[in-house]
N, C-alpha and C. Protein backbone atom coordinates (compact mmCIF):
# COMPACT_ATOMS: atom_id res chain seq x y z
N MET A 1 3.33 17.01 20.49
CA MET A 1 4.02 17.17 19.23
C MET A 1 3.16 17.98 18.30
N SER A 2 3.72 18.95 17.68
CA SER A 2 2.97 19.84 16.76
C SER A 2 2.66 19.11 15.46
N SER A 3 1.61 19.56 14.79
CA SER A 3 1.18 18.91 13.58
C SER A 3 2.29 18.94 12.48
N SER A 4 3.07 20.05 12.48
CA SER A 4 4.14 20.08 11.47
C SER A 4 5.25 19.09 11.79
N ARG A 5 5.53 18.86 13.08
CA ARG A 5 6.47 17.84 13.50
C ARG A 5 5.98 16.45 13.18
N LEU A 6 4.65 16.25 13.41
CA LEU A 6 4.09 14.93 13.12
C LEU A 6 4.20 14.54 11.66
N GLY A 7 4.10 15.50 10.72
CA GLY A 7 4.23 15.26 9.33
C GLY A 7 5.59 14.80 8.91
N LEU A 8 6.63 15.03 9.72
CA LEU A 8 7.98 14.57 9.43
C LEU A 8 8.23 13.22 9.88
N CYS A 9 7.34 12.62 10.76
CA CYS A 9 7.52 11.24 11.21
C CYS A 9 7.32 10.25 10.09
N LEU A 10 8.11 9.09 10.26
CA LEU A 10 8.01 8.03 9.28
C LEU A 10 6.78 7.22 9.47
N ALA A 11 6.12 6.88 8.43
CA ALA A 11 4.89 5.99 8.49
C ALA A 11 5.10 4.88 7.46
N VAL A 12 4.54 3.71 7.80
CA VAL A 12 4.65 2.50 6.98
C VAL A 12 3.25 1.90 6.90
N CYS A 13 2.87 1.53 5.70
CA CYS A 13 1.60 0.83 5.47
C CYS A 13 1.89 -0.53 4.85
N LEU A 14 1.26 -1.50 5.39
CA LEU A 14 1.37 -2.90 4.87
C LEU A 14 0.04 -3.18 4.06
N LEU A 15 -0.02 -2.72 2.89
CA LEU A 15 -1.29 -2.78 2.06
C LEU A 15 -1.48 -4.18 1.59
N ASN A 16 -2.62 -4.82 2.01
CA ASN A 16 -3.00 -6.18 1.65
C ASN A 16 -3.96 -6.13 0.49
N ILE A 17 -3.55 -6.71 -0.65
CA ILE A 17 -4.38 -6.77 -1.83
C ILE A 17 -4.73 -8.20 -2.24
N SER A 18 -5.80 -8.40 -2.98
CA SER A 18 -6.27 -9.72 -3.36
C SER A 18 -5.76 -10.12 -4.76
N GLU A 19 -4.44 -10.09 -4.89
CA GLU A 19 -3.80 -10.51 -6.17
C GLU A 19 -2.35 -10.93 -5.85
N ALA A 20 -1.92 -12.05 -6.40
CA ALA A 20 -0.55 -12.51 -6.27
C ALA A 20 -0.09 -13.23 -7.51
N ARG A 21 -1.00 -13.76 -8.29
CA ARG A 21 -0.65 -14.58 -9.38
C ARG A 21 -0.25 -13.81 -10.65
N LYS A 22 -0.67 -12.54 -10.75
CA LYS A 22 -0.32 -11.74 -11.87
C LYS A 22 0.70 -10.70 -11.36
N LYS A 23 2.00 -10.98 -11.54
CA LYS A 23 3.02 -10.15 -10.98
C LYS A 23 2.96 -8.68 -11.55
N TYR A 24 2.61 -8.53 -12.81
CA TYR A 24 2.58 -7.24 -13.39
C TYR A 24 1.47 -6.37 -12.75
N VAL A 25 0.39 -7.00 -12.36
CA VAL A 25 -0.69 -6.25 -11.68
C VAL A 25 -0.23 -5.80 -10.32
N VAL A 26 0.40 -6.68 -9.59
CA VAL A 26 0.86 -6.31 -8.26
C VAL A 26 1.91 -5.19 -8.37
N GLU A 27 2.82 -5.33 -9.30
CA GLU A 27 3.85 -4.26 -9.53
C GLU A 27 3.22 -2.92 -9.93
N ASN A 28 2.22 -2.93 -10.73
CA ASN A 28 1.53 -1.71 -11.13
C ASN A 28 0.85 -1.00 -9.93
N ILE A 29 0.28 -1.81 -9.07
CA ILE A 29 -0.38 -1.25 -7.85
C ILE A 29 0.70 -0.68 -6.94
N ALA A 30 1.82 -1.32 -6.78
CA ALA A 30 2.91 -0.80 -6.00
C ALA A 30 3.43 0.46 -6.59
N LYS A 31 3.59 0.49 -7.96
CA LYS A 31 4.13 1.66 -8.66
C LYS A 31 3.23 2.87 -8.46
N ALA A 32 1.92 2.64 -8.41
CA ALA A 32 0.96 3.74 -8.18
C ALA A 32 1.18 4.45 -6.87
N ALA A 33 1.77 3.81 -5.89
CA ALA A 33 2.04 4.43 -4.63
C ALA A 33 3.18 5.47 -4.67
N PHE A 34 4.12 5.29 -5.59
CA PHE A 34 5.23 6.22 -5.57
C PHE A 34 5.46 6.94 -6.96
N GLU A 35 4.50 6.84 -7.81
CA GLU A 35 4.66 7.47 -9.11
C GLU A 35 3.25 8.05 -9.56
N LYS A 36 3.31 9.29 -10.09
CA LYS A 36 2.10 9.90 -10.63
C LYS A 36 2.45 10.58 -11.90
N ASN A 37 1.66 10.23 -12.95
CA ASN A 37 1.88 10.77 -14.32
C ASN A 37 3.32 10.59 -14.77
N GLY A 38 3.90 9.39 -14.41
CA GLY A 38 5.27 9.11 -14.85
C GLY A 38 6.29 9.75 -13.99
N GLN A 39 5.96 10.55 -13.02
CA GLN A 39 6.93 11.23 -12.13
C GLN A 39 7.07 10.44 -10.86
N LYS A 40 8.25 10.05 -10.53
CA LYS A 40 8.53 9.30 -9.28
C LYS A 40 8.71 10.30 -8.11
N HIS A 41 8.22 9.91 -6.98
CA HIS A 41 8.29 10.72 -5.77
C HIS A 41 9.43 10.13 -4.95
N PRO A 42 10.62 10.75 -4.84
CA PRO A 42 11.72 10.16 -4.13
C PRO A 42 11.48 9.97 -2.65
N GLU A 43 10.56 10.69 -2.09
CA GLU A 43 10.29 10.57 -0.64
C GLU A 43 9.36 9.42 -0.29
N VAL A 44 8.91 8.65 -1.31
CA VAL A 44 8.08 7.47 -1.09
C VAL A 44 8.82 6.28 -1.50
N SER A 45 8.80 5.22 -0.71
CA SER A 45 9.50 3.98 -1.06
C SER A 45 8.56 2.76 -0.91
N VAL A 46 8.63 1.85 -1.82
CA VAL A 46 8.01 0.54 -1.64
C VAL A 46 9.14 -0.33 -1.17
N LEU A 47 9.08 -0.71 0.06
CA LEU A 47 10.20 -1.50 0.74
C LEU A 47 10.19 -3.00 0.34
N ASN A 48 8.98 -3.48 0.17
CA ASN A 48 8.85 -4.94 -0.04
C ASN A 48 7.53 -5.31 -0.66
N ILE A 49 7.53 -6.34 -1.45
CA ILE A 49 6.30 -6.93 -1.92
C ILE A 49 6.36 -8.43 -1.65
N PHE A 50 5.41 -8.88 -0.82
CA PHE A 50 5.32 -10.31 -0.49
C PHE A 50 4.07 -10.86 -1.20
N SER A 51 4.21 -11.90 -1.91
CA SER A 51 3.04 -12.50 -2.66
C SER A 51 2.91 -13.98 -2.27
N ASP A 52 1.73 -14.43 -2.05
CA ASP A 52 1.43 -15.78 -1.74
C ASP A 52 0.48 -16.32 -2.85
N GLN A 53 1.00 -17.18 -3.68
CA GLN A 53 0.25 -17.70 -4.88
C GLN A 53 -1.00 -18.43 -4.44
N ASP A 54 -0.94 -19.33 -3.44
CA ASP A 54 -2.09 -20.08 -3.03
C ASP A 54 -3.20 -19.24 -2.55
N TYR A 55 -2.87 -18.28 -1.63
CA TYR A 55 -3.82 -17.41 -1.11
C TYR A 55 -4.34 -16.33 -2.05
N ASN A 56 -3.52 -16.11 -3.07
CA ASN A 56 -3.72 -15.06 -4.09
C ASN A 56 -3.78 -13.69 -3.41
N ARG A 57 -2.80 -13.50 -2.52
CA ARG A 57 -2.71 -12.26 -1.75
C ARG A 57 -1.30 -11.72 -1.80
N SER A 58 -1.16 -10.39 -1.82
CA SER A 58 0.12 -9.70 -1.73
C SER A 58 0.04 -8.72 -0.70
N VAL A 59 1.19 -8.42 -0.02
CA VAL A 59 1.32 -7.36 0.97
C VAL A 59 2.40 -6.38 0.39
N ILE A 60 2.03 -5.19 0.13
CA ILE A 60 2.99 -4.13 -0.37
C ILE A 60 3.27 -3.22 0.80
N THR A 61 4.60 -3.15 1.12
CA THR A 61 5.06 -2.29 2.22
C THR A 61 5.48 -0.93 1.64
N ILE A 62 4.76 0.11 2.03
CA ILE A 62 4.94 1.50 1.53
C ILE A 62 5.43 2.33 2.72
N ALA A 63 6.53 3.06 2.55
CA ALA A 63 7.09 3.94 3.59
C ALA A 63 7.23 5.34 3.13
N THR A 64 6.85 6.25 3.93
CA THR A 64 7.01 7.71 3.61
C THR A 64 6.69 8.51 4.91
N SER A 65 6.60 9.82 4.75
CA SER A 65 6.21 10.66 5.90
C SER A 65 4.70 10.54 6.12
N VAL A 66 4.29 10.89 7.31
CA VAL A 66 2.87 10.87 7.71
C VAL A 66 2.06 11.69 6.68
N ASP A 67 2.59 12.83 6.34
CA ASP A 67 1.94 13.78 5.38
C ASP A 67 1.56 13.14 4.08
N LYS A 68 2.47 12.32 3.51
CA LYS A 68 2.33 11.80 2.17
C LYS A 68 1.65 10.40 2.15
N LEU A 69 1.57 9.73 3.27
CA LEU A 69 1.14 8.32 3.31
C LEU A 69 -0.29 8.19 2.79
N GLY A 70 -1.20 9.03 3.15
CA GLY A 70 -2.59 8.95 2.73
C GLY A 70 -2.75 8.91 1.26
N SER A 71 -2.14 9.89 0.61
CA SER A 71 -2.25 10.03 -0.90
C SER A 71 -1.55 8.84 -1.59
N CYS A 72 -0.45 8.39 -1.04
CA CYS A 72 0.21 7.25 -1.65
C CYS A 72 -0.63 5.96 -1.57
N VAL A 73 -1.11 5.73 -0.37
CA VAL A 73 -1.97 4.49 -0.23
C VAL A 73 -3.30 4.62 -1.02
N LEU A 74 -3.84 5.73 -1.03
CA LEU A 74 -5.06 5.94 -1.80
C LEU A 74 -4.82 5.69 -3.26
N ALA A 75 -3.71 6.18 -3.84
CA ALA A 75 -3.42 5.92 -5.21
C ALA A 75 -3.25 4.43 -5.50
N ALA A 76 -2.59 3.72 -4.62
CA ALA A 76 -2.39 2.26 -4.81
C ALA A 76 -3.74 1.58 -4.67
N CYS A 77 -4.57 1.98 -3.78
CA CYS A 77 -5.92 1.39 -3.62
C CYS A 77 -6.77 1.59 -4.82
N LEU A 78 -6.75 2.79 -5.38
CA LEU A 78 -7.54 3.08 -6.57
C LEU A 78 -7.09 2.21 -7.78
N GLU A 79 -5.76 2.07 -7.86
CA GLU A 79 -5.25 1.15 -8.93
C GLU A 79 -5.71 -0.25 -8.65
N ALA A 80 -5.66 -0.68 -7.45
CA ALA A 80 -6.11 -2.08 -7.10
C ALA A 80 -7.59 -2.31 -7.46
N PHE A 81 -8.42 -1.30 -7.13
CA PHE A 81 -9.85 -1.40 -7.37
C PHE A 81 -10.12 -1.51 -8.93
N GLN A 82 -9.28 -0.89 -9.69
CA GLN A 82 -9.48 -0.84 -11.15
C GLN A 82 -8.99 -2.11 -11.84
N VAL A 83 -7.95 -2.75 -11.33
CA VAL A 83 -7.26 -3.77 -12.10
C VAL A 83 -7.40 -5.22 -11.53
N ILE A 84 -7.80 -5.38 -10.28
CA ILE A 84 -7.91 -6.72 -9.74
C ILE A 84 -9.26 -7.35 -10.09
N ASP A 85 -9.16 -8.59 -10.63
CA ASP A 85 -10.35 -9.41 -10.99
C ASP A 85 -10.81 -10.17 -9.76
N MET A 86 -11.90 -9.81 -9.23
CA MET A 86 -12.37 -10.41 -7.98
C MET A 86 -13.03 -11.80 -8.24
N GLU A 87 -13.17 -12.14 -9.55
CA GLU A 87 -13.66 -13.50 -9.86
C GLU A 87 -12.65 -14.59 -9.59
N VAL A 88 -11.37 -14.22 -9.61
CA VAL A 88 -10.28 -15.13 -9.33
C VAL A 88 -9.85 -14.99 -7.88
N GLN A 89 -10.14 -16.09 -7.11
CA GLN A 89 -9.80 -16.02 -5.67
C GLN A 89 -8.90 -17.17 -5.33
N GLY A 90 -8.22 -17.05 -4.19
CA GLY A 90 -7.40 -18.13 -3.64
C GLY A 90 -8.11 -18.85 -2.55
N VAL A 91 -7.33 -19.59 -1.75
CA VAL A 91 -7.95 -20.37 -0.68
C VAL A 91 -8.30 -19.49 0.50
N HIS A 92 -7.77 -18.29 0.58
CA HIS A 92 -8.06 -17.39 1.71
C HIS A 92 -9.28 -16.50 1.35
N PRO A 93 -10.26 -16.44 2.25
CA PRO A 93 -11.43 -15.55 1.89
C PRO A 93 -10.99 -14.07 1.88
N CYS A 94 -11.65 -13.29 1.08
CA CYS A 94 -11.30 -11.87 0.94
C CYS A 94 -12.55 -11.02 1.01
N LEU A 95 -12.28 -9.81 1.39
CA LEU A 95 -13.40 -8.81 1.41
C LEU A 95 -13.51 -8.03 0.15
N GLY A 96 -12.39 -7.85 -0.55
CA GLY A 96 -12.41 -7.08 -1.77
C GLY A 96 -11.04 -6.95 -2.37
N ALA A 97 -10.88 -6.08 -3.34
CA ALA A 97 -9.55 -5.91 -3.96
C ALA A 97 -8.52 -5.51 -2.95
N VAL A 98 -8.84 -4.70 -1.99
CA VAL A 98 -8.03 -4.29 -0.87
C VAL A 98 -8.67 -4.80 0.39
N ASP A 99 -7.99 -5.66 1.09
CA ASP A 99 -8.57 -6.28 2.28
C ASP A 99 -8.23 -5.55 3.60
N LEU A 100 -6.99 -5.06 3.68
CA LEU A 100 -6.54 -4.54 4.97
C LEU A 100 -5.52 -3.45 4.72
N ILE A 101 -5.53 -2.38 5.55
CA ILE A 101 -4.60 -1.25 5.38
C ILE A 101 -4.05 -0.93 6.74
N PRO A 102 -3.15 -1.82 7.31
CA PRO A 102 -2.56 -1.46 8.63
C PRO A 102 -1.45 -0.46 8.43
N ILE A 103 -1.39 0.50 9.41
CA ILE A 103 -0.41 1.56 9.35
C ILE A 103 0.39 1.61 10.66
N ALA A 104 1.72 1.71 10.52
CA ALA A 104 2.57 1.82 11.71
C ALA A 104 3.27 3.16 11.63
N LEU A 105 3.31 3.89 12.77
CA LEU A 105 3.98 5.16 12.85
C LEU A 105 5.16 5.10 13.80
N SER A 106 6.27 5.74 13.35
CA SER A 106 7.47 5.78 14.20
C SER A 106 7.54 7.09 14.94
N GLY A 107 7.82 6.96 16.26
CA GLY A 107 7.96 8.18 17.11
C GLY A 107 6.75 8.96 17.33
N VAL A 108 5.56 8.31 17.22
CA VAL A 108 4.29 9.02 17.48
C VAL A 108 3.63 8.33 18.69
N GLY A 109 3.30 9.23 19.67
CA GLY A 109 2.61 8.76 20.85
C GLY A 109 1.15 8.64 20.70
N VAL A 110 0.47 8.14 21.73
CA VAL A 110 -0.98 7.98 21.71
C VAL A 110 -1.68 9.36 21.52
N GLU A 111 -1.08 10.40 22.09
CA GLU A 111 -1.71 11.71 22.06
C GLU A 111 -1.89 12.18 20.61
N GLU A 112 -0.92 11.87 19.75
CA GLU A 112 -1.00 12.38 18.35
C GLU A 112 -1.93 11.46 17.55
């Protein structure tokens, strides 16, 4: 598959952050993934936000093309690093403001 074709493939990230109790913080982190300087990017979607109050963890599901995923996830991570208070933790141990960044790709083989 050519690199230009790879860029058109759908990619999804399940961004795991260390905040669930402050809904506005979680929503602002999600918003950072699809909005820059007040401009929304229609090709980027936040499909779901799951928050667990006891664990104080949220998973933000971000979907877009492979080309755009890196910048969207990076923007959300930078927002998380700036706004999450790591002094407030839940029952689940954490590594930092962003704990895990798993990515799933649709229609992409091992070669790519």
